[in-house]
Amino acid sequence: MTKTVKAAIIGCGGIANGKHLPSLKKLESVELAAFCDIDEERAFKARDAFGNGHSKVYSNYLELLNDPAIDVVHVCTPNDSHAEITIAALEAGKHVMCEKPMAKTSAEARQMLKAAKRTGKKLSIGYQNRYRQDSQFLHKYCEDGGLGEIYFAKAHAIRRRAVPTWGVFLDEEKQGGGPLIDIGTHALDLTLWMMNNYKPKAVLGTTFHKLGKKKDAANAWGSWDPEEFKVEDSAFGFITMENGATIILESSWALNTLQTGEAKCTLSGTEGGADMQDGLRINGEEFGKLYTKAVEMSAGGAAFYDEKQESEAELEARLWIECIINDTEPVVKPEEALVVTQILEAIYESSKTGKAVYFGE
C-alpha cells in the first residue's frame, strides 16, 4: 500500500495556488493537511479550495511545524524568508520543497544545505522548467553525449515589458533583486543542468535600472510605480567555469528588444549544438554537411488520441513526492541550487564593484 504523505503549504499566494496546490491535489499519495499564511484569510481560502475537512489553518508557521503528522512542507514565501522557514522545517523533521531561488543570499542557501545534511531530511528547490518536455528531451540528449563537451552556452530570460507589479517583486529587501533573481535564476539553473557543470571560476556582471524609472509605462500587468521599483529592470552576466566553459546570462523584465525568450538556453558543444529559441532545435555536421533538426514534442497524431502529458508543475510534484516515498534523491539537488544562488549573487556584487568576482579566493 502506498504511503500517504501529509503535506503543508507555507505561503498561500500566487505560486502556491497556481503551481504547488493544484499539482499536489492531483496526487493520490498526498493529503494537503495544513495551510499557513500571515494573512489567515488567504490560508482559509487555500484550505477551502484544496484541503479537506481535516486540514488545519495557521498564521504562524512555527505552530504548523510543531505538528508531528506533517511529513513535507512547501515553502512559497518571499525570498528573504526562504532560509529561515526551510531550516526550521528541516529541524522539525520535515522534508522541504522551497520555491526558487534557494535563498536571498548564498550564505543563507549554504545554511539550508547544512541543515538538510545535518537532519537527514530531503531538500529540493522549485525549478519547474527542468520538467518541461523540451527540457527533459534535451537533458537526456546531453547526458547521452549528443552535443559532446558543452563549452559555450547562453541562458535566456528576456521579457520586453512584463514587470510583475503585485506582491513584493519590486521590493529589493524582500526579494534580493529583480529579473535576475526572479527569472534569470530559471535560465541559469536550466543551463547548468544541461551542461552538468557546477564549478564556476569567475563572474562579471552588470545590472541596470533604466526603464523602471519611467512613469505610465506600457506593461503586461499595468504600469508600475517608479517610486516602488527598487530593483534592477535588466541584468547580464559573463560566467567562466573551472574547465574553461563560458556562459552568458541575460535577464530582463523591461528591455527595448524584440528578441525575447524565458527559461531557455542555447548550447554549443564539440559534437553539436541546441537551442530553445524557436522550439527545440539540434544542429550539427554529418557526412560533410551541416544539419538542423527540429524536435517535435507532440505525438503528431489526432489530438483526441494523443497521450495527455503531465504539465511541468505536475511532473515536478509527482517526482518530488516519489523521492520521499522511495527514499531517493530529488531531481533538483540543493547543492546545484546553491551554485545558482552563488552565481546570481556574484553578478550583483560585480555590478556594484565594477570588478569580476572570483570563486575559491
Protein backbone atom coordinates (compact mmCIF):
# COMPACT_ATOMS: atom_id res chain seq x y z
CA MET A 1 0.00 0.00 0.00
CA THR A 2 1.35 3.40 -1.00
CA LYS A 3 2.16 5.68 1.90
CA THR A 4 0.05 8.82 2.19
CA VAL A 5 2.31 11.84 2.51
CA LYS A 6 0.87 14.64 4.59
CA ALA A 7 1.91 17.96 3.06
CA ALA A 8 1.72 21.54 4.31
CA ILE A 9 1.95 24.82 2.40
CA ILE A 10 3.59 27.85 3.99
CA GLY A 11 2.71 30.95 1.96
CA CYS A 12 -0.66 30.75 0.21
CA GLY A 13 -0.09 33.34 -2.52
CA GLY A 14 0.10 33.13 -6.30
CA ILE A 15 2.81 30.49 -6.71
CA ALA A 16 1.14 28.21 -4.17
CA ASN A 17 -2.31 28.48 -5.72
CA GLY A 18 -1.10 28.48 -9.31
CA LYS A 19 1.51 25.71 -9.15
CA HIS A 20 2.03 23.75 -5.93
CA LEU A 21 -1.50 23.19 -4.65
CA PRO A 22 -3.18 22.11 -7.92
CA SER A 23 -0.32 19.70 -8.66
CA LEU A 24 -0.22 18.16 -5.19
CA LYS A 25 -4.03 17.88 -5.13
CA LYS A 26 -3.90 15.52 -8.15
CA LEU A 27 -1.65 13.04 -6.38
CA GLU A 28 -3.45 10.19 -4.62
CA SER A 29 -0.44 9.71 -2.35
CA VAL A 30 -0.72 13.25 -0.94
CA GLU A 31 -3.04 14.73 1.67
CA LEU A 32 -2.94 18.51 1.89
CA ALA A 33 -3.09 18.63 5.66
CA ALA A 34 -2.16 22.19 6.59
CA PHE A 35 -2.15 25.71 5.17
CA CYS A 36 -0.26 28.67 6.58
CA ASP A 37 -0.09 32.36 5.69
CA ILE A 38 0.49 35.53 7.69
CA ASP A 39 -2.80 36.63 6.08
CA GLU A 40 -5.00 33.98 7.66
CA GLU A 41 -7.84 34.70 5.22
CA ARG A 42 -5.62 33.56 2.32
CA ALA A 43 -4.82 30.36 4.19
CA PHE A 44 -8.52 29.66 4.72
CA LYS A 45 -9.25 30.27 1.02
CA ALA A 46 -6.49 27.85 0.02
CA ARG A 47 -7.78 25.28 2.52
CA ASP A 48 -11.33 25.58 1.14
CA ALA A 49 -10.09 25.14 -2.44
CA PHE A 50 -7.55 22.34 -1.95
CA GLY A 51 -7.89 20.86 1.52
CA ASN A 52 -10.38 18.59 3.22
CA GLY A 53 -12.43 18.54 6.39
CA HIS A 54 -9.36 17.68 8.45
CA SER A 55 -6.99 20.28 7.01
CA LYS A 56 -5.66 22.81 9.51
CA VAL A 57 -5.05 26.54 9.07
CA TYR A 58 -2.23 28.53 10.67
CA SER A 59 -0.96 32.10 10.61
CA ASN A 60 2.28 31.18 12.43
CA TYR A 61 4.48 28.67 10.60
CA LEU A 62 6.21 27.59 13.84
CA GLU A 63 2.89 26.28 15.16
CA LEU A 64 2.42 24.29 11.94
CA LEU A 65 5.90 22.77 12.27
CA ASN A 66 5.01 21.50 15.76
CA ASP A 67 2.53 19.07 14.19
CA PRO A 68 4.31 15.68 14.10
CA ALA A 69 1.88 14.37 11.47
CA ILE A 70 3.24 16.68 8.75
CA ASP A 71 5.77 14.90 6.51
CA VAL A 72 6.68 17.57 3.96
CA VAL A 73 6.49 21.35 3.76
CA HIS A 74 6.39 23.52 0.64
CA VAL A 75 7.82 26.98 1.26
CA CYS A 76 6.17 29.55 -1.02
CA THR A 77 7.06 32.82 0.69
CA PRO A 78 9.16 35.86 -0.35
CA ASN A 79 12.87 35.16 -0.89
CA ASP A 80 14.05 36.76 2.34
CA SER A 81 12.25 34.14 4.45
CA HIS A 82 13.18 31.02 2.46
CA ALA A 83 16.17 30.14 4.63
CA GLU A 84 14.55 30.86 7.98
CA ILE A 85 11.45 28.77 7.29
CA THR A 86 13.25 25.97 5.45
CA ILE A 87 15.83 25.47 8.20
CA ALA A 88 13.13 25.47 10.88
CA ALA A 89 11.12 22.91 8.90
CA LEU A 90 14.13 20.63 8.40
CA GLU A 91 14.98 20.88 12.10
CA ALA A 92 11.37 19.94 12.88
CA GLY A 93 11.83 16.72 10.89
CA LYS A 94 10.04 17.73 7.69
CA HIS A 95 11.19 17.28 4.10
CA VAL A 96 11.16 20.63 2.27
CA MET A 97 10.38 21.82 -1.24
CA CYS A 98 11.35 25.51 -1.32
CA GLU A 99 10.38 27.78 -4.18
CA LYS A 100 13.16 29.27 -6.27
CA PRO A 101 15.57 30.86 -5.76
CA MET A 102 17.03 28.77 -2.96
CA ALA A 103 17.60 31.87 -0.82
CA LYS A 104 18.20 35.60 -0.98
CA THR A 105 21.93 35.13 -0.34
CA SER A 106 24.44 32.34 -0.82
CA ALA A 107 25.24 32.35 2.90
CA GLU A 108 21.60 31.58 3.67
CA ALA A 109 21.49 28.92 0.97
CA ARG A 110 24.59 27.29 2.43
CA GLN A 111 22.92 27.14 5.86
CA MET A 112 19.90 25.46 4.28
CA LEU A 113 22.14 22.81 2.72
CA LYS A 114 23.92 22.24 6.04
CA ALA A 115 20.57 21.83 7.80
CA ALA A 116 19.44 19.24 5.25
CA LYS A 117 22.66 17.25 5.72
CA ARG A 118 22.52 17.59 9.49
CA THR A 119 18.89 16.42 9.78
CA GLY A 120 18.96 13.82 7.01
CA LYS A 121 15.78 15.30 5.53
CA LYS A 122 15.27 15.90 1.82
CA LEU A 123 15.50 19.41 0.39
CA SER A 124 14.69 20.46 -3.15
CA ILE A 125 14.15 23.78 -4.91
CA GLY A 126 11.27 24.64 -7.26
CA TYR A 127 12.97 24.86 -10.64
CA GLN A 128 9.99 23.52 -12.59
CA ASN A 129 11.41 24.33 -16.03
CA ARG A 130 13.57 21.22 -15.79
CA TYR A 131 10.37 19.21 -16.14
CA ARG A 132 9.18 20.65 -19.46
CA GLN A 133 9.09 18.17 -22.34
CA ASP A 134 11.76 20.02 -24.32
CA SER A 135 13.99 20.30 -21.24
CA GLN A 136 13.64 16.59 -20.46
CA PHE A 137 14.45 15.63 -24.05
CA LEU A 138 17.47 17.94 -24.30
CA HIS A 139 18.86 16.88 -20.93
CA LYS A 140 18.77 13.22 -21.98
CA TYR A 141 20.38 14.16 -25.29
CA CYS A 142 23.19 16.00 -23.48
CA GLU A 143 23.54 13.22 -20.91
CA ASP A 144 23.97 10.68 -23.73
CA GLY A 145 26.76 12.80 -25.26
CA GLY A 146 24.80 14.08 -28.25
CA LEU A 147 26.43 17.52 -28.02
CA GLY A 148 29.82 16.28 -26.83
CA GLU A 149 31.62 18.64 -24.47
CA ILE A 150 29.47 21.74 -23.99
CA TYR A 151 31.90 24.64 -23.74
CA PHE A 152 29.73 27.67 -24.58
CA ALA A 153 26.14 28.46 -23.59
CA LYS A 154 23.63 31.25 -23.25
CA ALA A 155 20.94 31.40 -20.58
CA HIS A 156 17.93 33.42 -21.75
CA ALA A 157 15.35 35.16 -19.53
CA ILE A 158 14.32 38.21 -21.56
CA ARG A 159 10.96 39.95 -21.37
CA ARG A 160 10.28 43.10 -23.38
CA ARG A 161 7.68 44.55 -20.97
CA ALA A 162 6.45 42.15 -18.31
CA VAL A 163 7.20 43.61 -14.89
CA PRO A 164 5.29 41.88 -12.07
CA THR A 165 3.55 44.72 -10.24
CA TRP A 166 1.92 42.70 -7.45
CA GLY A 167 3.20 41.31 -4.17
CA VAL A 168 6.80 42.15 -3.23
CA PHE A 169 8.51 41.63 -6.60
CA LEU A 170 9.70 45.24 -6.73
CA ASP A 171 10.96 45.22 -3.12
CA GLU A 172 14.74 44.67 -3.04
CA GLU A 173 14.75 43.96 0.70
CA LYS A 174 12.19 41.15 0.41
CA GLN A 175 13.36 39.66 -2.88
CA GLY A 176 17.07 40.44 -3.11
CA GLY A 177 16.74 41.68 -6.68
CA GLY A 178 14.58 41.85 -9.80
CA PRO A 179 14.53 39.82 -13.03
CA LEU A 180 17.95 38.26 -12.40
CA ILE A 181 16.88 36.52 -9.20
CA ASP A 182 13.28 36.01 -10.39
CA ILE A 183 13.53 34.58 -13.93
CA GLY A 184 17.27 34.64 -14.63
CA THR A 185 17.55 32.00 -11.93
CA HIS A 186 15.42 29.58 -14.02
CA ALA A 187 17.50 30.11 -17.16
CA LEU A 188 20.78 29.64 -15.29
CA ASP A 189 19.56 26.51 -13.50
CA LEU A 190 18.45 25.01 -16.80
CA THR A 191 21.77 25.80 -18.48
CA LEU A 192 23.98 24.42 -15.70
CA TRP A 193 21.83 21.28 -15.57
CA MET A 194 22.23 20.68 -19.31
CA MET A 195 25.99 21.19 -19.07
CA ASN A 196 26.26 19.19 -15.83
CA ASN A 197 28.79 21.80 -14.74
CA TYR A 198 28.61 23.32 -11.26
CA LYS A 199 32.13 24.66 -10.82
CA PRO A 200 32.22 28.43 -11.52
CA LYS A 201 35.58 30.19 -11.63
CA ALA A 202 34.78 33.86 -12.25
CA VAL A 203 31.77 36.11 -12.87
CA LEU A 204 31.50 39.58 -14.39
CA GLY A 205 28.09 41.22 -14.23
CA THR A 206 26.10 44.36 -14.88
CA THR A 207 22.64 45.41 -13.74
CA PHE A 208 20.53 48.31 -14.99
CA HIS A 209 17.71 50.39 -13.56
CA LYS A 210 16.74 52.42 -16.62
CA LEU A 211 13.19 51.73 -17.76
CA GLY A 212 11.93 51.22 -14.22
CA LYS A 213 12.19 54.98 -13.72
CA LYS A 214 9.56 55.70 -16.37
CA LYS A 215 6.01 56.69 -15.46
CA ASP A 216 2.85 55.34 -17.13
CA ALA A 217 4.92 52.72 -18.94
CA ALA A 218 3.43 50.04 -21.18
CA ASN A 219 3.48 46.74 -19.31
CA ALA A 220 1.76 43.37 -19.45
CA TRP A 221 0.37 43.80 -15.92
CA GLY A 222 -0.27 47.53 -15.94
CA SER A 223 2.08 50.44 -15.32
CA TRP A 224 4.43 50.20 -12.38
CA ASP A 225 5.04 52.87 -9.78
CA PRO A 226 8.61 54.16 -10.29
CA GLU A 227 8.79 55.02 -6.58
CA GLU A 228 8.21 51.36 -5.67
CA PHE A 229 10.51 49.93 -8.38
CA LYS A 230 13.56 49.33 -6.14
CA VAL A 231 15.21 46.51 -8.14
CA GLU A 232 17.00 46.27 -11.48
CA ASP A 233 14.95 46.05 -14.68
CA SER A 234 17.66 44.06 -16.51
CA ALA A 235 20.86 42.22 -15.63
CA PHE A 236 23.58 40.40 -17.53
CA GLY A 237 26.42 38.08 -16.57
CA PHE A 238 29.54 36.59 -18.12
CA ILE A 239 30.43 33.38 -16.31
CA THR A 240 33.54 31.24 -16.76
CA MET A 241 33.78 27.76 -15.29
CA GLU A 242 36.81 25.93 -13.91
CA ASN A 243 37.11 23.82 -17.08
CA GLY A 244 37.04 26.93 -19.29
CA ALA A 245 33.39 26.64 -20.35
CA THR A 246 31.67 30.01 -20.71
CA ILE A 247 28.05 31.05 -20.08
CA ILE A 248 26.35 34.34 -20.96
CA LEU A 249 23.27 35.04 -18.82
CA GLU A 250 20.73 37.64 -19.90
CA SER A 251 17.65 38.65 -17.93
CA SER A 252 15.10 41.45 -18.07
CA TRP A 253 11.59 42.41 -17.09
CA ALA A 254 11.75 45.52 -19.27
CA LEU A 255 14.14 45.91 -22.19
CA ASN A 256 13.85 47.54 -25.61
CA THR A 257 14.30 44.37 -27.65
CA LEU A 258 12.27 42.09 -29.89
CA GLN A 259 14.40 39.05 -29.11
CA THR A 260 12.54 37.66 -26.12
CA GLY A 261 12.56 34.25 -24.51
CA GLU A 262 12.26 32.98 -20.97
CA ALA A 263 13.73 29.95 -19.19
CA LYS A 264 15.58 28.88 -22.32
CA CYS A 265 19.15 28.07 -23.20
CA THR A 266 21.47 27.83 -26.18
CA LEU A 267 24.23 25.22 -26.06
CA SER A 268 27.35 24.72 -28.17
CA GLY A 269 29.38 21.53 -27.88
CA THR A 270 32.11 19.65 -29.70
CA GLU A 271 29.62 17.30 -31.40
CA GLY A 272 26.66 19.60 -31.93
CA GLY A 273 24.54 22.43 -30.65
CA ALA A 274 21.00 23.08 -29.45
CA ASP A 275 18.69 25.98 -28.80
CA MET A 276 15.19 26.55 -27.44
CA GLN A 277 14.51 29.93 -29.01
CA ASP A 278 12.06 28.75 -31.69
CA GLY A 279 11.07 25.35 -30.43
CA LEU A 280 13.80 22.82 -29.68
CA ARG A 281 16.40 22.55 -32.44
CA ILE A 282 19.53 20.41 -32.67
CA ASN A 283 22.31 21.38 -35.06
CA GLY A 284 25.48 19.62 -36.19
CA GLU A 285 27.53 18.19 -39.02
CA GLU A 286 27.12 14.84 -40.77
CA PHE A 287 28.65 13.39 -43.94
CA GLY A 288 30.38 16.70 -44.65
CA LYS A 289 27.14 18.70 -44.42
CA LEU A 290 25.56 20.89 -41.77
CA TYR A 291 22.11 19.99 -40.48
CA THR A 292 19.38 21.46 -38.27
CA LYS A 293 16.74 19.20 -36.75
CA ALA A 294 13.52 20.50 -35.26
CA VAL A 295 12.32 18.24 -32.44
CA GLU A 296 8.55 17.76 -32.28
CA MET A 297 7.29 17.45 -28.72
CA SER A 298 3.78 16.17 -29.53
CA ALA A 299 2.96 12.65 -30.72
CA GLY A 300 1.80 14.11 -34.03
CA GLY A 301 -1.39 12.05 -34.20
CA ALA A 302 -5.03 13.06 -33.89
CA ALA A 303 -5.37 15.44 -31.00
CA PHE A 304 -8.06 13.36 -29.30
CA TYR A 305 -5.82 10.29 -29.20
CA ASP A 306 -2.56 11.99 -28.30
CA GLU A 307 -1.34 10.94 -24.89
CA LYS A 308 -2.10 13.59 -22.32
CA GLN A 309 1.21 14.82 -20.91
CA GLU A 310 1.74 15.96 -17.35
CA SER A 311 2.49 19.64 -17.02
CA GLU A 312 5.93 20.54 -15.71
CA ALA A 313 4.38 21.50 -12.36
CA GLU A 314 2.58 18.16 -12.09
CA LEU A 315 5.70 16.19 -13.00
CA GLU A 316 7.75 18.20 -10.52
CA ALA A 317 5.28 17.46 -7.72
CA ARG A 318 4.97 13.74 -8.55
CA LEU A 319 8.71 13.09 -8.78
CA TRP A 320 9.30 15.06 -5.59
CA ILE A 321 6.74 13.06 -3.61
CA GLU A 322 8.01 9.80 -5.11
CA CYS A 323 11.55 10.60 -3.97
CA ILE A 324 10.21 10.99 -0.42
CA ILE A 325 8.22 7.74 -0.54
CA ASN A 326 11.04 5.76 -2.19
CA ASP A 327 13.88 7.49 -0.31
CA THR A 328 15.73 8.55 -3.47
CA GLU A 329 17.46 11.79 -4.46
CA PRO A 330 15.33 14.70 -5.73
CA VAL A 331 15.71 15.85 -9.34
CA VAL A 332 16.84 19.30 -8.17
CA LYS A 333 19.59 18.79 -5.62
CA PRO A 334 20.24 21.57 -3.08
CA GLU A 335 23.95 21.51 -3.93
CA GLU A 336 23.06 22.50 -7.51
CA ALA A 337 20.64 25.24 -6.44
CA LEU A 338 23.31 26.66 -4.13
CA VAL A 339 25.65 27.19 -7.10
CA VAL A 340 22.88 29.04 -8.96
CA THR A 341 22.45 31.39 -6.00
CA GLN A 342 26.22 31.89 -5.71
CA ILE A 343 26.48 32.93 -9.36
CA LEU A 344 23.48 35.29 -9.17
CA GLU A 345 24.93 36.91 -6.06
CA ALA A 346 28.29 37.29 -7.84
CA ILE A 347 26.60 39.11 -10.75
CA TYR A 348 25.02 41.58 -8.33
CA GLU A 349 28.31 42.02 -6.49
CA SER A 350 30.27 42.52 -9.72
CA SER A 351 27.79 45.13 -10.89
CA LYS A 352 28.21 47.09 -7.64
CA THR A 353 32.01 47.00 -7.61
CA GLY A 354 32.73 47.05 -11.33
CA LYS A 355 35.09 44.13 -10.82
CA ALA A 356 34.95 40.41 -11.57
CA VAL A 357 34.13 38.06 -8.70
CA TYR A 358 36.45 35.07 -8.40
CA PHE A 359 35.40 31.85 -6.68
CA GLY A 360 37.69 29.99 -4.33
CA GLU A 361 39.63 33.10 -3.33
